[in-house]
């Protein structure tokens, strides 16, 4: 038996890599985002939308749900790279979702 193959840490379930920080985290600590195309042909626009239930079809990108991670991802064009969409894709709904989730945490 080789050393290092057995770990004493229990499995935390599926893990994904944050597109902003590049850290590997359990899916419960990340927000999945997907690209949605509105319209057909050359007039189509692309929006990046949050998928907190992890059910929408298509390629997903995972991000730590913080404003700092969002800003880093936008600056690095990480959404475009991970989702294979144009760099000018609208990501505003992701920021709004993160802000709303943050407000829910602080409401008493």
PDB file of N, CA and C in Angstrom:
ATOM      1  N   UNK A   1       0.843  -1.172   0.000  1.00  0.00           N
ATOM      2  CA  UNK A   1       0.000   0.000   0.000  1.00  0.00           C
ATOM      3  C   UNK A   1       0.888   1.236   0.000  1.00  0.00           C
ATOM      4  N   UNK A   2       0.576   2.189  -0.853  1.00  0.00           N
ATOM      5  CA  UNK A   2       1.397   3.388  -0.932  1.00  0.00           C
ATOM      6  C   UNK A   2       0.921   4.423   0.084  1.00  0.00           C
ATOM      7  N   UNK A   3       1.861   5.219   0.542  1.00  0.00           N
ATOM      8  CA  UNK A   3       1.519   6.262   1.494  1.00  0.00           C
ATOM      9  C   UNK A   3       0.812   7.403   0.785  1.00  0.00           C
ATOM     10  N   UNK A   4      -0.053   8.107   1.522  1.00  0.00           N
ATOM     11  CA  UNK A   4      -0.714   9.278   0.973  1.00  0.00           C
ATOM     12  C   UNK A   4      -1.995   8.987   0.226  1.00  0.00           C
ATOM     13  N   UNK A   5      -2.364   7.736   0.039  1.00  0.00           N
ATOM     14  CA  UNK A   5      -3.591   7.447  -0.693  1.00  0.00           C
ATOM     15  C   UNK A   5      -4.808   7.427   0.212  1.00  0.00           C
ATOM     16  N   UNK A   6      -4.627   7.240   1.486  1.00  0.00           N
ATOM     17  CA  UNK A   6      -5.735   7.192   2.421  1.00  0.00           C
ATOM     18  C   UNK A   6      -5.781   8.505   3.202  1.00  0.00           C
ATOM     19  N   UNK A   7      -6.923   9.139   3.197  1.00  0.00           N
ATOM     20  CA  UNK A   7      -7.059  10.381   3.947  1.00  0.00           C
ATOM     21  C   UNK A   7      -8.058  10.184   5.067  1.00  0.00           C
ATOM     22  N   UNK A   8      -7.859  10.902   6.145  1.00  0.00           N
ATOM     23  CA  UNK A   8      -8.770  10.795   7.280  1.00  0.00           C
ATOM     24  C   UNK A   8      -9.840  11.875   7.243  1.00  0.00           C
ATOM     25  N   UNK A   9      -9.793  12.754   6.246  1.00  0.00           N
ATOM     26  CA  UNK A   9     -10.772  13.817   6.121  1.00  0.00           C
ATOM     27  C   UNK A   9     -12.003  13.270   5.388  1.00  0.00           C
ATOM     28  N   UNK A  10     -13.182  13.407   5.991  1.00  0.00           N
ATOM     29  CA  UNK A  10     -14.380  12.912   5.309  1.00  0.00           C
ATOM     30  C   UNK A  10     -14.689  13.738   4.062  1.00  0.00           C
ATOM     31  N   UNK A  11     -15.308  13.100   3.090  1.00  0.00           N
ATOM     32  CA  UNK A  11     -15.668  13.777   1.845  1.00  0.00           C
ATOM     33  C   UNK A  11     -16.704  14.855   2.118  1.00  0.00           C
ATOM     34  N   UNK A  12     -16.538  16.013   1.503  1.00  0.00           N
ATOM     35  CA  UNK A  12     -17.477  17.114   1.670  1.00  0.00           C
ATOM     36  C   UNK A  12     -18.436  17.190   0.492  1.00  0.00           C
ATOM     37  N   UNK A  13     -18.481  16.177  -0.332  1.00  0.00           N
ATOM     38  CA  UNK A  13     -19.336  16.201  -1.504  1.00  0.00           C
ATOM     39  C   UNK A  13     -18.614  16.833  -2.677  1.00  0.00           C
ATOM     40  N   UNK A  14     -19.365  17.243  -3.691  1.00  0.00           N
ATOM     41  CA  UNK A  14     -18.742  17.823  -4.887  1.00  0.00           C
ATOM     42  C   UNK A  14     -18.035  19.141  -4.573  1.00  0.00           C
ATOM     43  N   UNK A  15     -16.926  19.358  -5.257  1.00  0.00           N
ATOM     44  CA  UNK A  15     -16.190  20.613  -5.129  1.00  0.00           C
ATOM     45  C   UNK A  15     -16.035  21.235  -6.504  1.00  0.00           C
ATOM     46  N   UNK A  16     -15.960  22.559  -6.543  1.00  0.00           N
ATOM     47  CA  UNK A  16     -15.767  23.306  -7.779  1.00  0.00           C
ATOM     48  C   UNK A  16     -14.749  24.400  -7.527  1.00  0.00           C
ATOM     49  N   UNK A  17     -14.244  24.994  -8.603  1.00  0.00           N
ATOM     50  CA  UNK A  17     -13.252  26.055  -8.501  1.00  0.00           C
ATOM     51  C   UNK A  17     -13.913  27.402  -8.773  1.00  0.00           C
ATOM     52  N   UNK A  18     -13.684  28.353  -7.881  1.00  0.00           N
ATOM     53  CA  UNK A  18     -14.204  29.705  -8.051  1.00  0.00           C
ATOM     54  C   UNK A  18     -13.481  30.367  -9.215  1.00  0.00           C
ATOM     55  N   UNK A  19     -14.245  31.002 -10.118  1.00  0.00           N
ATOM     56  CA  UNK A  19     -13.633  31.630 -11.292  1.00  0.00           C
ATOM     57  C   UNK A  19     -12.853  32.885 -10.929  1.00  0.00           C
ATOM     58  N   UNK A  20     -13.104  33.453  -9.763  1.00  0.00           N
ATOM     59  CA  UNK A  20     -12.407  34.674  -9.351  1.00  0.00           C
ATOM     60  C   UNK A  20     -11.148  34.367  -8.543  1.00  0.00           C
ATOM     61  N   UNK A  21     -11.303  33.572  -7.498  1.00  0.00           N
ATOM     62  CA  UNK A  21     -10.176  33.312  -6.590  1.00  0.00           C
ATOM     63  C   UNK A  21      -9.364  32.083  -6.972  1.00  0.00           C
ATOM     64  N   UNK A  22      -9.939  31.234  -7.823  1.00  0.00           N
ATOM     65  CA  UNK A  22      -9.321  29.966  -8.240  1.00  0.00           C
ATOM     66  C   UNK A  22      -9.185  28.983  -7.079  1.00  0.00           C
ATOM     67  N   UNK A  23      -9.903  29.215  -5.979  1.00  0.00           N
ATOM     68  CA  UNK A  23      -9.899  28.290  -4.846  1.00  0.00           C
ATOM     69  C   UNK A  23     -10.929  27.199  -5.081  1.00  0.00           C
ATOM     70  N   UNK A  24     -10.607  25.999  -4.663  1.00  0.00           N
ATOM     71  CA  UNK A  24     -11.527  24.877  -4.762  1.00  0.00           C
ATOM     72  C   UNK A  24     -12.330  24.807  -3.472  1.00  0.00           C
ATOM     73  N   UNK A  25     -13.665  24.860  -3.612  1.00  0.00           N
ATOM     74  CA  UNK A  25     -14.558  24.880  -2.455  1.00  0.00           C
ATOM     75  C   UNK A  25     -15.731  23.939  -2.690  1.00  0.00           C
ATOM     76  N   UNK A  26     -16.404  23.506  -1.612  1.00  0.00           N
ATOM     77  CA  UNK A  26     -17.617  22.705  -1.783  1.00  0.00           C
ATOM     78  C   UNK A  26     -18.691  23.526  -2.502  1.00  0.00           C
ATOM     79  N   UNK A  27     -19.533  22.872  -3.290  1.00  0.00           N
ATOM     80  CA  UNK A  27     -20.537  23.579  -4.070  1.00  0.00           C
ATOM     81  C   UNK A  27     -21.508  24.372  -3.194  1.00  0.00           C
ATOM     82  N   UNK A  28     -21.691  23.967  -1.948  1.00  0.00           N
ATOM     83  CA  UNK A  28     -22.606  24.683  -1.057  1.00  0.00           C
ATOM     84  C   UNK A  28     -22.103  26.093  -0.739  1.00  0.00           C
ATOM     85  N   UNK A  29     -20.813  26.344  -0.900  1.00  0.00           N
ATOM     86  CA  UNK A  29     -20.234  27.648  -0.598  1.00  0.00           C
ATOM     87  C   UNK A  29     -20.046  28.514  -1.836  1.00  0.00           C
ATOM     88  N   UNK A  30     -20.474  28.030  -3.007  1.00  0.00           N
ATOM     89  CA  UNK A  30     -20.311  28.756  -4.260  1.00  0.00           C
ATOM     90  C   UNK A  30     -21.654  29.011  -4.916  1.00  0.00           C
ATOM     91  N   UNK A  31     -21.687  30.000  -5.793  1.00  0.00           N
ATOM     92  CA  UNK A  31     -22.878  30.320  -6.568  1.00  0.00           C
ATOM     93  C   UNK A  31     -22.632  29.922  -8.015  1.00  0.00           C
ATOM     94  N   UNK A  32     -23.552  29.136  -8.570  1.00  0.00           N
ATOM     95  CA  UNK A  32     -23.442  28.741  -9.976  1.00  0.00           C
ATOM     96  C   UNK A  32     -24.083  29.816 -10.840  1.00  0.00           C
ATOM     97  N   UNK A  33     -23.433  30.144 -11.942  1.00  0.00           N
ATOM     98  CA  UNK A  33     -23.949  31.120 -12.900  1.00  0.00           C
ATOM     99  C   UNK A  33     -23.951  30.482 -14.287  1.00  0.00           C
ATOM    100  N   UNK A  34     -24.955  30.836 -15.088  1.00  0.00           N
ATOM    101  CA  UNK A  34     -25.049  30.318 -16.451  1.00  0.00           C
ATOM    102  C   UNK A  34     -25.323  31.461 -17.422  1.00  0.00           C
ATOM    103  N   UNK A  35     -25.017  31.241 -18.682  1.00  0.00           N
ATOM    104  CA  UNK A  35     -25.270  32.229 -19.733  1.00  0.00           C
ATOM    105  C   UNK A  35     -26.627  31.951 -20.361  1.00  0.00           C
ATOM    106  N   UNK A  36     -27.392  33.013 -20.559  1.00  0.00           N
ATOM    107  CA  UNK A  36     -28.702  32.923 -21.206  1.00  0.00           C
ATOM    108  C   UNK A  36     -28.678  33.845 -22.407  1.00  0.00           C
ATOM    109  N   UNK A  37     -29.044  33.303 -23.568  1.00  0.00           N
ATOM    110  CA  UNK A  37     -29.076  34.100 -24.791  1.00  0.00           C
ATOM    111  C   UNK A  37     -30.490  34.588 -25.039  1.00  0.00           C
ATOM    112  N   UNK A  38     -30.618  35.901 -25.243  1.00  0.00           N
ATOM    113  CA  UNK A  38     -31.914  36.520 -25.548  1.00  0.00           C
ATOM    114  C   UNK A  38     -31.920  36.912 -27.019  1.00  0.00           C
ATOM    115  N   UNK A  39     -32.861  36.391 -27.763  1.00  0.00           N
ATOM    116  CA  UNK A  39     -32.951  36.717 -29.184  1.00  0.00           C
ATOM    117  C   UNK A  39     -32.253  35.676 -30.037  1.00  0.00           C
ATOM    118  N   UNK A  40     -32.293  35.916 -31.351  1.00  0.00           N
ATOM    119  CA  UNK A  40     -31.701  34.992 -32.313  1.00  0.00           C
ATOM    120  C   UNK A  40     -30.706  35.717 -33.200  1.00  0.00           C
ATOM    121  N   UNK A  41     -29.786  34.979 -33.734  1.00  0.00           N
ATOM    122  CA  UNK A  41     -28.858  35.506 -34.729  1.00  0.00           C
ATOM    123  C   UNK A  41     -27.942  36.599 -34.208  1.00  0.00           C
ATOM    124  N   UNK A  42     -27.681  37.562 -35.073  1.00  0.00           N
ATOM    125  CA  UNK A  42     -26.737  38.630 -34.746  1.00  0.00           C
ATOM    126  C   UNK A  42     -27.294  39.585 -33.697  1.00  0.00           C
ATOM    127  N   UNK A  43     -28.612  39.611 -33.535  1.00  0.00           N
ATOM    128  CA  UNK A  43     -29.230  40.510 -32.558  1.00  0.00           C
ATOM    129  C   UNK A  43     -29.281  39.923 -31.153  1.00  0.00           C
ATOM    130  N   UNK A  44     -28.795  38.718 -30.978  1.00  0.00           N
ATOM    131  CA  UNK A  44     -28.869  38.061 -29.679  1.00  0.00           C
ATOM    132  C   UNK A  44     -27.974  38.766 -28.660  1.00  0.00           C
ATOM    133  N   UNK A  45     -28.510  38.910 -27.451  1.00  0.00           N
ATOM    134  CA  UNK A  45     -27.713  39.427 -26.349  1.00  0.00           C
ATOM    135  C   UNK A  45     -27.485  38.292 -25.360  1.00  0.00           C
ATOM    136  N   UNK A  46     -26.419  38.402 -24.616  1.00  0.00           N
ATOM    137  CA  UNK A  46     -26.069  37.353 -23.663  1.00  0.00           C
ATOM    138  C   UNK A  46     -26.078  37.951 -22.265  1.00  0.00           C
ATOM    139  N   UNK A  47     -26.785  37.273 -21.366  1.00  0.00           N
ATOM    140  CA  UNK A  47     -26.799  37.666 -19.959  1.00  0.00           C
ATOM    141  C   UNK A  47     -26.250  36.514 -19.136  1.00  0.00           C
ATOM    142  N   UNK A  48     -25.517  36.844 -18.094  1.00  0.00           N
ATOM    143  CA  UNK A  48     -25.069  35.842 -17.133  1.00  0.00           C
ATOM    144  C   UNK A  48     -26.014  35.953 -15.944  1.00  0.00           C
ATOM    145  N   UNK A  49     -26.664  34.841 -15.609  1.00  0.00           N
ATOM    146  CA  UNK A  49     -27.664  34.854 -14.540  1.00  0.00           C
ATOM    147  C   UNK A  49     -27.250  33.898 -13.428  1.00  0.00           C
ATOM    148  N   UNK A  50     -27.603  34.220 -12.185  1.00  0.00           N
ATOM    149  CA  UNK A  50     -27.311  33.313 -11.075  1.00  0.00           C
ATOM    150  C   UNK A  50     -28.218  32.090 -11.132  1.00  0.00           C
ATOM    151  N   UNK A  51     -27.706  30.976 -10.697  1.00  0.00           N
ATOM    152  CA  UNK A  51     -28.470  29.727 -10.657  1.00  0.00           C
ATOM    153  C   UNK A  51     -28.291  29.102  -9.267  1.00  0.00           C
ATOM    154  N   UNK A  52     -28.903  29.709  -8.239  1.00  0.00           N
ATOM    155  CA  UNK A  52     -28.665  29.222  -6.873  1.00  0.00           C
ATOM    156  C   UNK A  52     -29.177  27.804  -6.624  1.00  0.00           C
ATOM    157  N   UNK A  53     -30.180  27.369  -7.380  1.00  0.00           N
ATOM    158  CA  UNK A  53     -30.692  26.002  -7.204  1.00  0.00           C
ATOM    159  C   UNK A  53     -29.897  24.983  -8.013  1.00  0.00           C
ATOM    160  N   UNK A  54     -28.978  25.480  -8.867  1.00  0.00           N
ATOM    161  CA  UNK A  54     -28.103  24.631  -9.693  1.00  0.00           C
ATOM    162  C   UNK A  54     -28.918  23.714 -10.610  1.00  0.00           C
ATOM    163  N   UNK A  55     -29.934  24.279 -11.266  1.00  0.00           N
ATOM    164  CA  UNK A  55     -30.819  23.483 -12.115  1.00  0.00           C
ATOM    165  C   UNK A  55     -30.884  23.954 -13.569  1.00  0.00           C
ATOM    166  N   UNK A  56     -30.437  25.173 -13.870  1.00  0.00           N
ATOM    167  CA  UNK A  56     -30.552  25.675 -15.237  1.00  0.00           C
ATOM    168  C   UNK A  56     -29.638  24.890 -16.177  1.00  0.00           C
ATOM    169  N   UNK A  57     -30.076  24.714 -17.426  1.00  0.00           N
ATOM    170  CA  UNK A  57     -29.253  23.967 -18.373  1.00  0.00           C
ATOM    171  C   UNK A  57     -28.057  24.792 -18.841  1.00  0.00           C
ATOM    172  N   UNK A  58     -27.055  24.091 -19.309  1.00  0.00           N
ATOM    173  CA  UNK A  58     -25.907  24.754 -19.907  1.00  0.00           C
ATOM    174  C   UNK A  58     -24.670  24.734 -19.033  1.00  0.00           C
ATOM    175  N   UNK A  59     -23.626  25.257 -19.610  1.00  0.00           N
ATOM    176  CA  UNK A  59     -22.332  25.339 -18.939  1.00  0.00           C
ATOM    177  C   UNK A  59     -22.456  26.264 -17.739  1.00  0.00           C
ATOM    178  N   UNK A  60     -21.892  25.857 -16.633  1.00  0.00           N
ATOM    179  CA  UNK A  60     -21.944  26.672 -15.427  1.00  0.00           C
ATOM    180  C   UNK A  60     -20.577  27.207 -15.044  1.00  0.00           C
ATOM    181  N   UNK A  61     -20.579  28.365 -14.413  1.00  0.00           N
ATOM    182  CA  UNK A  61     -19.372  28.946 -13.836  1.00  0.00           C
ATOM    183  C   UNK A  61     -19.664  29.148 -12.354  1.00  0.00           C
ATOM    184  N   UNK A  62     -18.694  28.861 -11.519  1.00  0.00           N
ATOM    185  CA  UNK A  62     -18.886  28.909 -10.072  1.00  0.00           C
ATOM    186  C   UNK A  62     -18.091  30.057  -9.487  1.00  0.00           C
ATOM    187  N   UNK A  63     -18.730  30.821  -8.596  1.00  0.00           N
ATOM    188  CA  UNK A  63     -18.081  31.976  -7.996  1.00  0.00           C
ATOM    189  C   UNK A  63     -18.421  32.048  -6.508  1.00  0.00           C
ATOM    190  N   UNK A  64     -17.460  32.499  -5.725  1.00  0.00           N
ATOM    191  CA  UNK A  64     -17.707  32.763  -4.315  1.00  0.00           C
ATOM    192  C   UNK A  64     -18.692  33.934  -4.254  1.00  0.00           C
ATOM    193  N   UNK A  65     -19.808  33.801  -3.533  1.00  0.00           N
ATOM    194  CA  UNK A  65     -20.848  34.839  -3.577  1.00  0.00           C
ATOM    195  C   UNK A  65     -20.517  36.075  -2.735  1.00  0.00           C
ATOM    196  N   UNK A  66     -19.471  36.784  -3.129  1.00  0.00           N
ATOM    197  CA  UNK A  66     -19.113  38.046  -2.487  1.00  0.00           C
ATOM    198  C   UNK A  66     -18.929  39.106  -3.569  1.00  0.00           C
ATOM    199  N   UNK A  67     -19.111  40.351  -3.190  1.00  0.00           N
ATOM    200  CA  UNK A  67     -18.931  41.445  -4.133  1.00  0.00           C
ATOM    201  C   UNK A  67     -17.476  41.499  -4.604  1.00  0.00           C
ATOM    202  N   UNK A  68     -16.544  41.233  -3.704  1.00  0.00           N
ATOM    203  CA  UNK A  68     -15.125  41.250  -4.064  1.00  0.00           C
ATOM    204  C   UNK A  68     -14.809  40.209  -5.135  1.00  0.00           C
ATOM    205  N   UNK A  69     -15.343  39.004  -4.972  1.00  0.00           N
ATOM    206  CA  UNK A  69     -15.111  37.952  -5.966  1.00  0.00           C
ATOM    207  C   UNK A  69     -15.756  38.327  -7.294  1.00  0.00           C
ATOM    208  N   UNK A  70     -16.953  38.903  -7.244  1.00  0.00           N
ATOM    209  CA  UNK A  70     -17.635  39.341  -8.470  1.00  0.00           C
ATOM    210  C   UNK A  70     -16.784  40.372  -9.213  1.00  0.00           C
ATOM    211  N   UNK A  71     -16.297  41.378  -8.484  1.00  0.00           N
ATOM    212  CA  UNK A  71     -15.491  42.423  -9.118  1.00  0.00           C
ATOM    213  C   UNK A  71     -14.206  41.861  -9.721  1.00  0.00           C
ATOM    214  N   UNK A  72     -13.591  40.920  -9.024  1.00  0.00           N
ATOM    215  CA  UNK A  72     -12.388  40.273  -9.550  1.00  0.00           C
ATOM    216  C   UNK A  72     -12.708  39.510 -10.824  1.00  0.00           C
ATOM    217  N   UNK A  73     -13.815  38.774 -10.823  1.00  0.00           N
ATOM    218  CA  UNK A  73     -14.206  37.995 -12.003  1.00  0.00           C
ATOM    219  C   UNK A  73     -14.487  38.894 -13.201  1.00  0.00           C
ATOM    220  N   UNK A  74     -15.145  40.020 -12.969  1.00  0.00           N
ATOM    221  CA  UNK A  74     -15.436  40.954 -14.064  1.00  0.00           C
ATOM    222  C   UNK A  74     -14.137  41.558 -14.591  1.00  0.00           C
ATOM    223  N   UNK A  75     -13.263  41.964 -13.680  1.00  0.00           N
ATOM    224  CA  UNK A  75     -11.990  42.572 -14.087  1.00  0.00           C
ATOM    225  C   UNK A  75     -11.147  41.596 -14.915  1.00  0.00           C
ATOM    226  N   UNK A  76     -11.148  40.331 -14.521  1.00  0.00           N
ATOM    227  CA  UNK A  76     -10.357  39.314 -15.231  1.00  0.00           C
ATOM    228  C   UNK A  76     -11.085  38.705 -16.421  1.00  0.00           C
ATOM    229  N   UNK A  77     -12.316  39.151 -16.654  1.00  0.00           N
ATOM    230  CA  UNK A  77     -13.159  38.585 -17.720  1.00  0.00           C
ATOM    231  C   UNK A  77     -13.357  37.084 -17.537  1.00  0.00           C
ATOM    232  N   UNK A  78     -13.464  36.673 -16.293  1.00  0.00           N
ATOM    233  CA  UNK A  78     -13.574  35.253 -15.974  1.00  0.00           C
ATOM    234  C   UNK A  78     -14.917  34.661 -16.394  1.00  0.00           C
ATOM    235  N   UNK A  79     -15.998  35.456 -16.334  1.00  0.00           N
ATOM    236  CA  UNK A  79     -17.297  34.944 -16.781  1.00  0.00           C
ATOM    237  C   UNK A  79     -17.239  34.591 -18.263  1.00  0.00           C
ATOM    238  N   UNK A  80     -16.684  35.483 -19.058  1.00  0.00           N
ATOM    239  CA  UNK A  80     -16.586  35.246 -20.498  1.00  0.00           C
ATOM    240  C   UNK A  80     -15.753  34.005 -20.799  1.00  0.00           C
ATOM    241  N   UNK A  81     -14.657  33.856 -20.117  1.00  0.00           N
ATOM    242  CA  UNK A  81     -13.764  32.719 -20.354  1.00  0.00           C
ATOM    243  C   UNK A  81     -14.414  31.406 -19.922  1.00  0.00           C
ATOM    244  N   UNK A  82     -15.029  31.402 -18.753  1.00  0.00           N
ATOM    245  CA  UNK A  82     -15.599  30.160 -18.227  1.00  0.00           C
ATOM    246  C   UNK A  82     -16.866  29.729 -18.961  1.00  0.00           C
ATOM    247  N   UNK A  83     -17.656  30.708 -19.396  1.00  0.00           N
ATOM    248  CA  UNK A  83     -18.932  30.381 -20.026  1.00  0.00           C
ATOM    249  C   UNK A  83     -18.888  30.411 -21.553  1.00  0.00           C
ATOM    250  N   UNK A  84     -17.747  30.768 -22.113  1.00  0.00           N
ATOM    251  CA  UNK A  84     -17.578  30.839 -23.573  1.00  0.00           C
ATOM    252  C   UNK A  84     -18.576  31.816 -24.186  1.00  0.00           C
ATOM    253  N   UNK A  85     -18.632  33.015 -23.611  1.00  0.00           N
ATOM    254  CA  UNK A  85     -19.523  34.065 -24.102  1.00  0.00           C
ATOM    255  C   UNK A  85     -18.698  35.317 -24.376  1.00  0.00           C
ATOM    256  N   UNK A  86     -19.274  36.302 -25.089  1.00  0.00           N
ATOM    257  CA  UNK A  86     -18.539  37.548 -25.330  1.00  0.00           C
ATOM    258  C   UNK A  86     -18.201  38.276 -24.022  1.00  0.00           C
ATOM    259  N   UNK A  87     -17.123  39.026 -24.038  1.00  0.00           N
ATOM    260  CA  UNK A  87     -16.671  39.736 -22.841  1.00  0.00           C
ATOM    261  C   UNK A  87     -17.664  40.793 -22.385  1.00  0.00           C
ATOM    262  N   UNK A  88     -18.516  41.278 -23.292  1.00  0.00           N
ATOM    263  CA  UNK A  88     -19.475  42.308 -22.917  1.00  0.00           C
ATOM    264  C   UNK A  88     -20.810  41.736 -22.423  1.00  0.00           C
ATOM    265  N   UNK A  89     -20.857  40.464 -22.089  1.00  0.00           N
ATOM    266  CA  UNK A  89     -22.083  39.855 -21.579  1.00  0.00           C
ATOM    267  C   UNK A  89     -22.503  40.556 -20.286  1.00  0.00           C
ATOM    268  N   UNK A  90     -23.813  40.738 -20.126  1.00  0.00           N
ATOM    269  CA  UNK A  90     -24.358  41.441 -18.963  1.00  0.00           C
ATOM    270  C   UNK A  90     -24.314  40.527 -17.737  1.00  0.00           C
ATOM    271  N   UNK A  91     -23.597  40.962 -16.701  1.00  0.00           N
ATOM    272  CA  UNK A  91     -23.469  40.169 -15.466  1.00  0.00           C
ATOM    273  C   UNK A  91     -24.170  40.832 -14.292  1.00  0.00           C
ATOM    274  N   UNK A  92     -24.951  41.863 -14.545  1.00  0.00           N
ATOM    275  CA  UNK A  92     -25.573  42.655 -13.480  1.00  0.00           C
ATOM    276  C   UNK A  92     -26.478  41.814 -12.572  1.00  0.00           C
ATOM    277  N   UNK A  93     -27.186  40.829 -13.120  1.00  0.00           N
ATOM    278  CA  UNK A  93     -28.080  40.003 -12.293  1.00  0.00           C
ATOM    279  C   UNK A  93     -27.314  39.209 -11.238  1.00  0.00           C
ATOM    280  N   UNK A  94     -26.086  38.833 -11.542  1.00  0.00           N
ATOM    281  CA  UNK A  94     -25.262  38.112 -10.564  1.00  0.00           C
ATOM    282  C   UNK A  94     -24.949  39.040  -9.393  1.00  0.00           C
ATOM    283  N   UNK A  95     -24.546  40.281  -9.692  1.00  0.00           N
ATOM    284  CA  UNK A  95     -24.234  41.246  -8.638  1.00  0.00           C
ATOM    285  C   UNK A  95     -25.474  41.535  -7.795  1.00  0.00           C
ATOM    286  N   UNK A  96     -26.628  41.690  -8.427  1.00  0.00           N
ATOM    287  CA  UNK A  96     -27.863  41.941  -7.685  1.00  0.00           C
ATOM    288  C   UNK A  96     -28.204  40.772  -6.768  1.00  0.00           C
ATOM    289  N   UNK A  97     -28.012  39.553  -7.246  1.00  0.00           N
ATOM    290  CA  UNK A  97     -28.289  38.371  -6.427  1.00  0.00           C
ATOM    291  C   UNK A  97     -27.354  38.324  -5.216  1.00  0.00           C
ATOM    292  N   UNK A  98     -26.086  38.611  -5.437  1.00  0.00           N
ATOM    293  CA  UNK A  98     -25.113  38.604  -4.335  1.00  0.00           C
ATOM    294  C   UNK A  98     -25.481  39.673  -3.310  1.00  0.00           C
ATOM    295  N   UNK A  99     -25.854  40.866  -3.789  1.00  0.00           N
ATOM    296  CA  UNK A  99     -26.258  41.938  -2.887  1.00  0.00           C
ATOM    297  C   UNK A  99     -27.502  41.588  -2.091  1.00  0.00           C
ATOM    298  N   UNK A 100     -28.487  40.970  -2.738  1.00  0.00           N
ATOM    299  CA  UNK A 100     -29.719  40.578  -2.058  1.00  0.00           C
ATOM    300  C   UNK A 100     -29.451  39.495  -1.016  1.00  0.00           C
ATOM    301  N   UNK A 101     -28.581  38.562  -1.339  1.00  0.00           N
ATOM    302  CA  UNK A 101     -28.243  37.503  -0.395  1.00  0.00           C
ATOM    303  C   UNK A 101     -27.519  38.084   0.817  1.00  0.00           C
ATOM    304  N   UNK A 102     -26.672  39.060   0.579  1.00  0.00           N
ATOM    305  CA  UNK A 102     -25.940  39.714   1.672  1.00  0.00           C
ATOM    306  C   UNK A 102     -26.909  40.448   2.592  1.00  0.00           C
ATOM    307  N   UNK A 103     -27.926  41.116   2.007  1.00  0.00           N
ATOM    308  CA  UNK A 103     -28.932  41.818   2.806  1.00  0.00           C
ATOM    309  C   UNK A 103     -29.717  40.841   3.664  1.00  0.00           C
ATOM    310  N   UNK A 104     -30.060  39.687   3.116  1.00  0.00           N
ATOM    311  CA  UNK A 104     -30.814  38.685   3.890  1.00  0.00           C
ATOM    312  C   UNK A 104     -30.000  38.208   5.089  1.00  0.00           C
ATOM    313  N   UNK A 105     -28.675  38.089   4.911  1.00  0.00           N
ATOM    314  CA  UNK A 105     -27.820  37.652   6.016  1.00  0.00           C
ATOM    315  C   UNK A 105     -27.835  38.665   7.159  1.00  0.00           C
ATOM    316  N   UNK A 106     -27.885  39.956   6.820  1.00  0.00           N
ATOM    317  CA  UNK A 106     -27.779  40.991   7.841  1.00  0.00           C
ATOM    318  C   UNK A 106     -29.130  41.405   8.421  1.00  0.00           C
ATOM    319  N   UNK A 107     -30.250  41.009   7.783  1.00  0.00           N
ATOM    320  CA  UNK A 107     -31.582  41.336   8.327  1.00  0.00           C
ATOM    321  C   UNK A 107     -31.846  40.489   9.560  1.00  0.00           C
ATOM    322  N   UNK A 108     -32.436  41.134  10.535  1.00  0.00           N
ATOM    323  CA  UNK A 108     -32.743  40.405  11.769  1.00  0.00           C
ATOM    324  C   UNK A 108     -34.224  40.348  11.977  1.00  0.00           C
TER     325      UNK A 108
END
